[in-house]
Amino acid sequence: MPHRDEHRQHPRQPAPRGVALTLRPEHAGADQEALHLLCRDLSRTGLGVSFPQPISPDTDVELWVYLPEQSGAPLHLFGTVAWCAAPLGQWRAGIALDLERGDGGVWEARFAPGTPP
């Protein structure tokens, strides 16, 4: 099988140990419980996560991201589920972040040239 080069504008990197995510569909009712997810990888514009059940692509979501080096409140981000699949029997999804909302600017700054991962 030929090697496929990474063609993403913002390549993914493994999530640092200790990243914690809480997700809720953006238009969910107040009684809907938030999901706690495992972050698999991240980039300036998106996150790869493991899900306990399928979630429909194009679902708008709110995320609270706790970073290991961060003290205080989590970053509050918004995004849209880009894809969801179950390779090897475990649900995974890609979330495209909307950097214009919430703490998107703070998240984006983490990926500025010269910033340690």
C-alpha atoms as a PDB file:
ATOM      1  CA  MET A   1       0.000   0.000   0.000  1.00  0.00           C
ATOM      2  CA  PRO A   2       1.498   3.380  -0.933  1.00  0.00           C
ATOM      3  CA  HIS A   3       2.314   5.866   1.803  1.00  0.00           C
ATOM      4  CA  ARG A   4      -0.179   8.719   2.117  1.00  0.00           C
ATOM      5  CA  ASP A   5       1.213  12.097   3.129  1.00  0.00           C
ATOM      6  CA  GLU A   6      -0.604  14.288   5.634  1.00  0.00           C
ATOM      7  CA  HIS A   7      -2.557  16.867   3.620  1.00  0.00           C
ATOM      8  CA  ARG A   8      -4.251  18.710   6.460  1.00  0.00           C
ATOM      9  CA  GLN A   9      -3.617  22.415   6.667  1.00  0.00           C
ATOM     10  CA  HIS A  10      -3.165  22.024  10.430  1.00  0.00           C
ATOM     11  CA  PRO A  11      -1.714  18.569  11.170  1.00  0.00           C
ATOM     12  CA  ARG A  12      -2.900  16.652  14.209  1.00  0.00           C
ATOM     13  CA  GLN A  13      -0.622  15.878  17.126  1.00  0.00           C
ATOM     14  CA  PRO A  14      -1.168  13.386  19.925  1.00  0.00           C
ATOM     15  CA  ALA A  15      -3.116  14.841  22.843  1.00  0.00           C
ATOM     16  CA  PRO A  16      -0.910  15.551  25.861  1.00  0.00           C
ATOM     17  CA  ARG A  17      -1.437  13.282  28.851  1.00  0.00           C
ATOM     18  CA  GLY A  18      -4.088  14.678  31.157  1.00  0.00           C
ATOM     19  CA  VAL A  19      -6.317  16.467  28.607  1.00  0.00           C
ATOM     20  CA  ALA A  20      -9.966  16.128  29.683  1.00  0.00           C
ATOM     21  CA  LEU A  21     -13.010  16.992  27.557  1.00  0.00           C
ATOM     22  CA  THR A  22     -16.635  17.523  28.460  1.00  0.00           C
ATOM     23  CA  LEU A  23     -19.074  17.805  25.562  1.00  0.00           C
ATOM     24  CA  ARG A  24     -22.747  18.683  25.191  1.00  0.00           C
ATOM     25  CA  PRO A  25     -24.680  19.128  21.938  1.00  0.00           C
ATOM     26  CA  GLU A  26     -25.084  22.891  21.641  1.00  0.00           C
ATOM     27  CA  HIS A  27     -28.870  22.927  21.496  1.00  0.00           C
ATOM     28  CA  ALA A  28     -29.429  20.174  24.064  1.00  0.00           C
ATOM     29  CA  GLY A  29     -31.920  20.674  26.839  1.00  0.00           C
ATOM     30  CA  ALA A  30     -30.713  21.537  30.332  1.00  0.00           C
ATOM     31  CA  ASP A  31     -31.610  18.023  31.471  1.00  0.00           C
ATOM     32  CA  GLN A  32     -29.246  16.355  28.963  1.00  0.00           C
ATOM     33  CA  GLU A  33     -26.133  15.098  30.677  1.00  0.00           C
ATOM     34  CA  ALA A  34     -22.731  16.175  29.349  1.00  0.00           C
ATOM     35  CA  LEU A  35     -20.357  13.501  28.008  1.00  0.00           C
ATOM     36  CA  HIS A  36     -16.811  13.072  29.287  1.00  0.00           C
ATOM     37  CA  LEU A  37     -14.585  12.110  26.342  1.00  0.00           C
ATOM     38  CA  LEU A  38     -11.101  10.820  25.697  1.00  0.00           C
ATOM     39  CA  CYS A  39      -9.120  13.173  23.455  1.00  0.00           C
ATOM     40  CA  ARG A  40      -7.052  11.178  20.959  1.00  0.00           C
ATOM     41  CA  ASP A  41      -5.398  13.998  19.017  1.00  0.00           C
ATOM     42  CA  LEU A  42      -5.657  17.727  18.469  1.00  0.00           C
ATOM     43  CA  SER A  43      -4.764  20.494  16.079  1.00  0.00           C
ATOM     44  CA  ARG A  44      -5.301  24.222  15.787  1.00  0.00           C
ATOM     45  CA  THR A  45      -8.692  23.651  14.153  1.00  0.00           C
ATOM     46  CA  GLY A  46      -9.964  20.351  15.519  1.00  0.00           C
ATOM     47  CA  LEU A  47     -10.004  17.456  17.946  1.00  0.00           C
ATOM     48  CA  GLY A  48     -10.114  13.698  17.507  1.00  0.00           C
ATOM     49  CA  VAL A  49     -12.110  12.028  20.285  1.00  0.00           C
ATOM     50  CA  SER A  50     -13.449   8.655  21.399  1.00  0.00           C
ATOM     51  CA  PHE A  51     -17.202   8.523  21.998  1.00  0.00           C
ATOM     52  CA  PRO A  52     -19.309   6.131  24.097  1.00  0.00           C
ATOM     53  CA  GLN A  53     -22.000   6.055  21.360  1.00  0.00           C
ATOM     54  CA  PRO A  54     -22.456   7.412  17.828  1.00  0.00           C
ATOM     55  CA  ILE A  55     -23.054  11.106  17.245  1.00  0.00           C
ATOM     56  CA  SER A  56     -24.388  12.486  13.972  1.00  0.00           C
ATOM     57  CA  PRO A  57     -22.073  14.509  11.742  1.00  0.00           C
ATOM     58  CA  ASP A  58     -23.065  18.196  11.527  1.00  0.00           C
ATOM     59  CA  THR A  59     -24.073  18.196  15.227  1.00  0.00           C
ATOM     60  CA  ASP A  60     -23.035  21.509  16.800  1.00  0.00           C
ATOM     61  CA  VAL A  61     -21.341  20.979  20.155  1.00  0.00           C
ATOM     62  CA  GLU A  62     -20.020  22.882  23.148  1.00  0.00           C
ATOM     63  CA  LEU A  63     -16.756  21.682  24.685  1.00  0.00           C
ATOM     64  CA  TRP A  64     -14.971  22.364  27.929  1.00  0.00           C
ATOM     65  CA  VAL A  65     -11.298  21.456  27.594  1.00  0.00           C
ATOM     66  CA  TYR A  66      -9.100  20.990  30.648  1.00  0.00           C
ATOM     67  CA  LEU A  67      -5.420  21.151  29.718  1.00  0.00           C
ATOM     68  CA  PRO A  68      -2.782  19.669  32.033  1.00  0.00           C
ATOM     69  CA  GLU A  69      -0.686  22.871  32.213  1.00  0.00           C
ATOM     70  CA  GLN A  70      -3.720  25.115  32.684  1.00  0.00           C
ATOM     71  CA  SER A  71      -4.888  26.287  36.075  1.00  0.00           C
ATOM     72  CA  GLY A  72      -8.353  27.651  36.665  1.00  0.00           C
ATOM     73  CA  ALA A  73     -11.363  27.366  34.404  1.00  0.00           C
ATOM     74  CA  PRO A  74     -11.393  25.094  31.344  1.00  0.00           C
ATOM     75  CA  LEU A  75     -11.401  26.517  27.830  1.00  0.00           C
ATOM     76  CA  HIS A  76     -14.944  26.853  26.509  1.00  0.00           C
ATOM     77  CA  LEU A  77     -14.983  25.956  22.817  1.00  0.00           C
ATOM     78  CA  PHE A  78     -17.611  25.436  20.137  1.00  0.00           C
ATOM     79  CA  GLY A  79     -17.458  23.131  17.155  1.00  0.00           C
ATOM     80  CA  THR A  80     -19.236  20.795  14.778  1.00  0.00           C
ATOM     81  CA  VAL A  81     -18.924  17.023  14.504  1.00  0.00           C
ATOM     82  CA  ALA A  82     -17.247  16.471  11.130  1.00  0.00           C
ATOM     83  CA  TRP A  83     -17.364  12.667  11.088  1.00  0.00           C
ATOM     84  CA  CYS A  84     -18.132   9.697  13.319  1.00  0.00           C
ATOM     85  CA  ALA A  85     -17.159   6.055  12.740  1.00  0.00           C
ATOM     86  CA  ALA A  86     -16.489   2.885  14.717  1.00  0.00           C
ATOM     87  CA  PRO A  87     -13.218   1.382  13.491  1.00  0.00           C
ATOM     88  CA  LEU A  88     -12.386  -1.711  15.500  1.00  0.00           C
ATOM     89  CA  GLY A  89     -15.667  -1.406  17.406  1.00  0.00           C
ATOM     90  CA  GLN A  90     -14.963   1.871  19.248  1.00  0.00           C
ATOM     91  CA  TRP A  91     -16.777   5.074  18.248  1.00  0.00           C
ATOM     92  CA  ARG A  92     -14.472   7.899  17.211  1.00  0.00           C
ATOM     93  CA  ALA A  93     -15.288  11.355  15.927  1.00  0.00           C
ATOM     94  CA  GLY A  94     -13.596  14.427  14.539  1.00  0.00           C
ATOM     95  CA  ILE A  95     -14.727  17.821  15.790  1.00  0.00           C
ATOM     96  CA  ALA A  96     -14.035  20.935  13.709  1.00  0.00           C
ATOM     97  CA  LEU A  97     -13.603  23.908  16.048  1.00  0.00           C
ATOM     98  CA  ASP A  98     -15.192  27.320  15.518  1.00  0.00           C
ATOM     99  CA  LEU A  99     -12.316  29.572  16.586  1.00  0.00           C
ATOM    100  CA  GLU A 100     -14.485  32.705  16.353  1.00  0.00           C
ATOM    101  CA  ARG A 101     -16.546  31.698  19.406  1.00  0.00           C
ATOM    102  CA  GLY A 102     -15.842  31.194  23.087  1.00  0.00           C
ATOM    103  CA  ASP A 103     -12.169  30.682  23.932  1.00  0.00           C
ATOM    104  CA  GLY A 104     -11.266  29.881  20.313  1.00  0.00           C
ATOM    105  CA  GLY A 105      -8.640  32.634  20.222  1.00  0.00           C
ATOM    106  CA  VAL A 106      -6.925  31.266  23.325  1.00  0.00           C
ATOM    107  CA  TRP A 107      -6.955  27.751  21.823  1.00  0.00           C
ATOM    108  CA  GLU A 108      -5.557  29.024  18.512  1.00  0.00           C
ATOM    109  CA  ALA A 109      -2.742  30.906  20.289  1.00  0.00           C
ATOM    110  CA  ARG A 110      -1.492  27.573  21.691  1.00  0.00           C
ATOM    111  CA  PHE A 111      -0.517  26.601  18.136  1.00  0.00           C
ATOM    112  CA  ALA A 112       1.340  29.806  17.197  1.00  0.00           C
ATOM    113  CA  PRO A 113       4.850  29.234  15.787  1.00  0.00           C
ATOM    114  CA  GLY A 114       7.380  28.896  18.585  1.00  0.00           C
ATOM    115  CA  THR A 115       4.771  27.859  21.179  1.00  0.00           C
ATOM    116  CA  PRO A 116       5.685  24.556  22.877  1.00  0.00           C
ATOM    117  CA  PRO A 117       3.114  21.754  22.313  1.00  0.00           C
END
